[in-house]
Protein backbone atom coordinates (compact mmCIF):
# COMPACT_ATOMS: atom_id res chain seq x y z
CA MET A 1 17.56 -15.62 6.03
CA SER A 2 15.24 -13.17 4.28
CA ALA A 3 11.75 -14.29 3.35
CA VAL A 4 11.98 -12.23 0.14
CA CYS A 5 15.15 -10.79 -1.36
CA VAL A 6 15.05 -8.70 -4.56
CA THR A 7 18.31 -7.63 -6.20
CA SER A 8 18.51 -5.14 -9.09
CA LEU A 9 15.21 -6.24 -10.61
CA SER A 10 14.28 -4.51 -13.85
CA PHE A 11 11.33 -5.34 -16.07
CA ALA A 12 9.87 -4.06 -19.34
CA TYR A 13 6.81 -4.91 -21.41
CA ARG A 14 8.49 -5.23 -24.81
CA THR A 15 10.21 -1.84 -25.16
CA ARG A 16 8.35 -0.06 -22.32
CA PRO A 17 10.37 -0.09 -19.08
CA VAL A 18 8.24 -0.56 -15.96
CA LEU A 19 10.69 -1.42 -13.15
CA ALA A 20 14.28 -0.18 -12.88
CA GLU A 21 16.93 -1.62 -10.54
CA VAL A 22 14.55 -2.45 -7.68
CA SER A 23 16.24 -3.95 -4.61
CA PHE A 24 14.94 -4.75 -1.12
CA GLU A 25 14.79 -7.48 1.52
CA LEU A 26 11.85 -8.51 3.71
CA PRO A 27 12.31 -10.55 6.89
CA PRO A 28 10.01 -13.44 7.85
CA GLY A 29 6.84 -12.25 9.52
CA SER A 30 6.96 -8.77 8.00
CA LEU A 31 3.86 -6.94 6.82
CA THR A 32 4.73 -4.64 3.92
CA ALA A 33 2.64 -2.33 1.72
CA ILE A 34 3.61 -1.30 -1.80
CA LEU A 35 2.53 2.28 -2.50
CA GLY A 36 2.65 4.63 -5.47
CA ARG A 37 0.61 6.23 -8.21
CA ASN A 38 -1.32 4.23 -10.78
CA GLY A 39 1.15 3.00 -13.38
CA SER A 40 4.16 3.25 -11.06
CA GLY A 41 4.86 -0.50 -11.33
CA LYS A 42 3.19 -1.81 -8.15
CA SER A 43 1.20 -4.66 -9.70
CA THR A 44 4.07 -5.54 -12.05
CA LEU A 45 6.43 -5.83 -9.09
CA LEU A 46 3.98 -8.10 -7.28
CA ARG A 47 3.56 -10.30 -10.36
CA CYS A 48 7.35 -10.58 -10.64
CA LEU A 49 7.50 -11.70 -7.00
CA ALA A 50 4.78 -14.26 -7.70
CA GLY A 51 6.68 -15.73 -10.63
CA LEU A 52 3.97 -14.75 -13.10
CA LEU A 53 6.37 -12.60 -15.10
CA PRO A 54 9.84 -13.78 -16.17
CA VAL A 55 12.67 -12.57 -13.95
CA PRO A 56 16.39 -13.19 -14.51
CA PRO A 57 18.03 -15.79 -12.26
CA GLY A 58 19.38 -14.29 -9.05
CA THR A 59 17.10 -11.26 -8.97
CA VAL A 60 14.30 -12.68 -6.77
CA ARG A 61 14.82 -15.16 -3.93
CA VAL A 62 12.06 -16.55 -1.72
CA ALA A 63 13.05 -18.33 1.49
CA GLY A 64 16.58 -18.48 0.09
CA ARG A 65 15.54 -20.12 -3.18
CA ASP A 66 15.96 -18.58 -6.64
CA LEU A 67 12.46 -17.93 -7.96
CA ALA A 68 13.55 -18.25 -11.60
CA LEU A 69 14.70 -21.84 -11.02
CA LEU A 70 11.58 -23.14 -9.25
CA SER A 71 8.85 -25.25 -10.80
CA HIS A 72 5.26 -24.04 -10.74
CA ARG A 73 4.41 -26.44 -7.89
CA GLU A 74 7.48 -25.38 -5.88
CA ARG A 75 6.52 -21.71 -6.26
CA ALA A 76 2.93 -22.43 -5.25
CA ARG A 77 4.11 -24.09 -2.04
CA LEU A 78 6.10 -20.99 -1.11
CA LEU A 79 3.91 -18.18 -2.45
CA GLY A 80 0.22 -17.32 -2.44
CA TYR A 81 -0.95 -14.62 -4.86
CA LEU A 82 -4.20 -12.64 -4.96
CA PRO A 83 -4.72 -10.76 -8.26
CA GLN A 84 -6.77 -7.59 -8.57
CA PHE A 85 -9.42 -9.41 -10.60
CA HIS A 86 -10.47 -13.03 -10.83
CA GLN A 87 -12.81 -14.32 -13.52
CA PRO A 88 -13.96 -17.90 -12.85
CA ALA A 89 -14.03 -20.28 -15.82
CA PHE A 90 -16.68 -22.55 -14.31
CA ASP A 91 -19.63 -22.15 -11.96
CA PHE A 92 -17.97 -23.85 -8.98
CA ALA A 93 -19.32 -23.78 -5.44
CA VAL A 94 -17.35 -21.55 -3.07
CA GLU A 95 -15.87 -24.46 -1.10
CA GLU A 96 -14.58 -26.03 -4.34
CA VAL A 97 -12.96 -22.73 -5.34
CA VAL A 98 -11.18 -22.55 -1.98
CA LEU A 99 -10.19 -26.21 -2.30
CA THR A 100 -8.24 -25.41 -5.49
CA GLY A 101 -5.77 -23.64 -3.22
CA ARG A 102 -4.66 -27.08 -2.05
CA ALA A 103 -3.46 -28.02 -5.57
CA PRO A 104 0.28 -27.73 -4.74
CA TRP A 105 -0.14 -30.35 -2.00
CA VAL A 106 -2.70 -32.70 -3.59
CA GLY A 107 -2.07 -35.89 -5.56
CA LEU A 108 -4.77 -37.31 -7.83
CA SER A 109 -7.68 -36.13 -5.70
CA PRO A 110 -8.26 -34.00 -2.57
CA ARG A 111 -7.97 -35.73 0.79
CA GLU A 112 -10.16 -35.12 3.80
CA GLU A 113 -7.27 -33.06 5.23
CA ASP A 114 -7.46 -30.77 2.19
CA ARG A 115 -11.22 -30.33 2.57
CA ARG A 116 -10.77 -29.62 6.29
CA ARG A 117 -8.25 -26.86 5.53
CA ALA A 118 -10.63 -25.33 3.00
CA ARG A 119 -13.45 -25.30 5.56
CA GLU A 120 -11.15 -23.81 8.20
CA ALA A 121 -10.11 -21.02 5.83
CA LEU A 122 -13.75 -20.16 5.14
CA ALA A 123 -14.50 -20.14 8.85
CA LEU A 124 -11.51 -17.94 9.63
CA LEU A 125 -12.81 -15.30 7.22
CA GLU A 126 -16.33 -15.77 8.62
CA ILE A 127 -17.79 -16.78 5.25
CA ALA A 128 -18.49 -20.46 5.96
CA HIS A 129 -22.16 -19.76 5.19
CA LEU A 130 -21.14 -19.19 1.54
CA ALA A 131 -19.57 -22.66 1.13
CA GLY A 132 -22.35 -24.10 -1.05
CA ARG A 133 -23.09 -20.94 -3.04
CA PRO A 134 -21.98 -20.66 -6.69
CA TYR A 135 -18.93 -18.39 -6.81
CA THR A 136 -20.36 -16.51 -9.81
CA GLU A 137 -23.40 -15.40 -7.77
CA LEU A 138 -21.34 -13.61 -5.11
CA SER A 139 -20.77 -9.88 -4.76
CA GLY A 140 -17.37 -8.42 -5.55
CA GLY A 141 -16.50 -8.19 -1.85
CA GLU A 142 -17.58 -11.77 -1.18
CA ARG A 143 -15.47 -13.00 -4.10
CA GLN A 144 -12.48 -11.13 -2.69
CA LEU A 145 -12.86 -12.88 0.67
CA VAL A 146 -13.22 -16.26 -1.03
CA MET A 147 -9.95 -15.75 -2.92
CA VAL A 148 -8.20 -14.80 0.32
CA ALA A 149 -9.57 -18.00 1.85
CA ARG A 150 -8.15 -19.89 -1.13
CA ILE A 151 -4.69 -18.55 -0.31
CA LEU A 152 -5.10 -19.54 3.34
CA ALA A 153 -5.97 -23.08 2.30
CA GLN A 154 -2.85 -23.08 0.13
CA ASP A 155 -0.78 -22.43 3.30
CA PRO A 156 2.17 -20.48 1.80
CA GLY A 157 4.88 -18.79 3.82
CA VAL A 158 4.70 -15.63 1.68
CA ILE A 159 1.37 -14.01 0.79
CA LEU A 160 1.19 -11.50 -2.08
CA LEU A 161 -1.99 -9.42 -2.34
CA ASP A 162 -2.88 -6.97 -5.11
CA GLU A 163 -5.44 -4.50 -3.75
CA PRO A 164 -6.91 -6.93 -1.17
CA LEU A 165 -9.21 -4.27 0.30
CA SER A 166 -10.94 -3.38 -2.96
CA HIS A 167 -14.67 -4.18 -3.02
CA LEU A 168 -14.70 -4.69 0.77
CA ASP A 169 -16.92 -2.68 3.08
CA LEU A 170 -15.43 -1.02 6.15
CA CYS A 171 -16.25 -3.95 8.44
CA HIS A 172 -14.52 -6.48 6.21
CA GLN A 173 -11.57 -4.16 5.59
CA VAL A 174 -10.93 -3.98 9.34
CA ARG A 175 -11.40 -7.74 9.71
CA LEU A 176 -8.97 -8.52 6.89
CA LEU A 177 -6.36 -6.07 8.19
CA ARG A 178 -6.51 -7.73 11.60
CA LEU A 179 -6.18 -11.14 9.97
CA LEU A 180 -3.09 -10.02 8.03
CA GLY A 181 -1.58 -8.84 11.30
CA GLU A 182 -2.25 -12.27 12.79
CA PHE A 183 -0.55 -13.96 9.82
CA SER A 184 2.49 -11.77 10.45
CA ARG A 185 2.58 -12.78 14.11
CA GLN A 186 2.46 -16.42 13.01
CA GLY A 187 5.62 -15.85 10.95
CA ARG A 188 4.08 -15.47 7.49
CA THR A 189 5.36 -12.68 5.27
CA VAL A 190 2.67 -10.47 3.74
CA VAL A 191 3.18 -8.03 0.85
CA ALA A 192 0.18 -6.01 -0.34
CA VAL A 193 -0.36 -3.38 -3.00
CA LEU A 194 -2.53 -0.61 -1.52
CA HIS A 195 -3.95 2.67 -2.79
CA ASP A 196 -4.63 4.11 0.66
CA PRO A 197 -1.42 5.39 2.32
CA THR A 198 -3.23 5.97 5.62
CA LEU A 199 -4.08 2.27 5.98
CA ALA A 200 -0.54 1.36 4.93
CA LEU A 201 1.04 3.62 7.55
CA GLN A 202 -1.31 2.58 10.35
CA HIS A 203 -1.51 -1.19 9.80
CA PHE A 204 1.71 -2.29 8.06
CA HIS A 205 5.20 -2.63 9.50
CA GLY A 206 6.90 -1.18 6.43
CA GLN A 207 6.23 0.42 3.07
CA LEU A 208 7.85 0.22 -0.36
CA TYR A 209 7.36 3.41 -2.38
CA LEU A 210 7.47 3.23 -6.18
CA ARG A 211 7.72 6.26 -8.44
CA GLN A 212 7.97 5.71 -12.18
CA GLY A 213 9.27 2.20 -11.63
CA ARG A 214 11.98 3.11 -9.16
CA LEU A 215 12.02 2.37 -5.46
CA LEU A 216 12.37 5.47 -3.28
CA ALA A 217 12.95 5.56 0.47
CA PRO A 218 12.15 8.43 2.84
CA PRO A 219 14.97 9.61 5.12
CA GLY A 220 12.76 8.87 8.15
CA PRO A 221 9.06 8.55 8.86
CA PRO A 222 7.31 9.55 5.61
CA GLU A 223 6.38 13.21 5.70
CA ALA A 224 4.14 15.33 3.51
CA GLU A 225 6.94 16.44 1.17
CA PHE A 226 8.02 12.87 0.42
CA LEU A 227 4.48 11.54 -0.06
CA SER A 228 3.61 14.52 -2.25
CA ARG A 229 6.53 13.53 -4.47
CA ILE A 230 5.41 9.88 -4.57
CA TYR A 231 1.82 10.70 -5.49
CA GLU A 232 2.69 13.81 -7.52
CA THR A 233 0.01 15.77 -5.70
CA PRO A 234 0.21 17.93 -2.54
CA VAL A 235 -0.76 16.05 0.63
CA GLU A 236 -0.72 16.66 4.34
CA VAL A 237 0.15 14.13 7.04
CA LEU A 238 -2.01 14.62 10.11
CA GLN A 239 -1.55 12.84 13.41
CA SER A 240 -4.47 11.05 15.05
CA ALA A 241 -4.95 8.72 18.00
CA THR A 242 -4.62 5.74 15.63
CA GLY A 243 -1.59 7.04 13.70
CA PRO A 244 -0.79 9.15 10.62
CA VAL A 245 -3.60 10.21 8.31
CA VAL A 246 -2.72 11.25 4.76
CA VAL A 247 -5.10 13.71 3.08
CA PRO A 248 -4.87 15.78 -0.12
CA ARG A 249 -3.88 19.32 0.68
CA GLY A 250 -6.91 21.60 0.63
CA ALA A 251 -9.36 18.71 0.10
CA GLY A 252 -12.92 19.83 0.59
CA GLN A 253 -11.91 23.50 0.82
CA GLU A 254 -12.88 26.19 -1.60
CA GLU A 255 -10.12 28.32 -3.00
CA GLY A 256 -10.17 31.97 -2.08
CA PRO A 257 -10.53 34.77 -4.61
């Protein structure tokens, strides 16, 4: 059974089409990047998968269940979602913010088990020292890590991340990428919107390419011609010891006379 199955999904904001007949399947334990230009529909697709935008019955299935027919609590037990931006409504301590990830599993009040999972998530991301700090006082990168910890405490089988590497320094980018790989090995399914095709090609099992709301697939390993079409700018694909490196064609070079 697929972890995520999307069938002929189309979406429009009022009269403006954003996604057109998108179909794909992702197996359990897969690590998939969504790539494309700004405005190509990446974040909209992720929000549809998260159940934050209305989708017709039968178009999105998670763990064999029709997303359109699930309650909010049922969706939250299956899916964890990290938005691009998070604006806190209250000045909660970091540990309390992470603890809110346990909401799908909690009754009237958090149990010690829920608090333990929140502490474990903070420790896994190596930010346990932030537990008592007000969330609003953190840097952008620290907030990003806290929201990832919140998803870990939620314990979903499918993790949806919209630009999870934004605001992170190089050290934390590498740490988070390794952690996502570990989630995949544990059987969790990870889907992430990324802007950097090099990181997507080197660290993710598969890629979904969106161009003007439509899903395109390369005939084989993505080459310069295909990626140039996706990003609507000339690129080169160079080979390195760690894998493909995608660079704009002629970047850093002066044009001749």
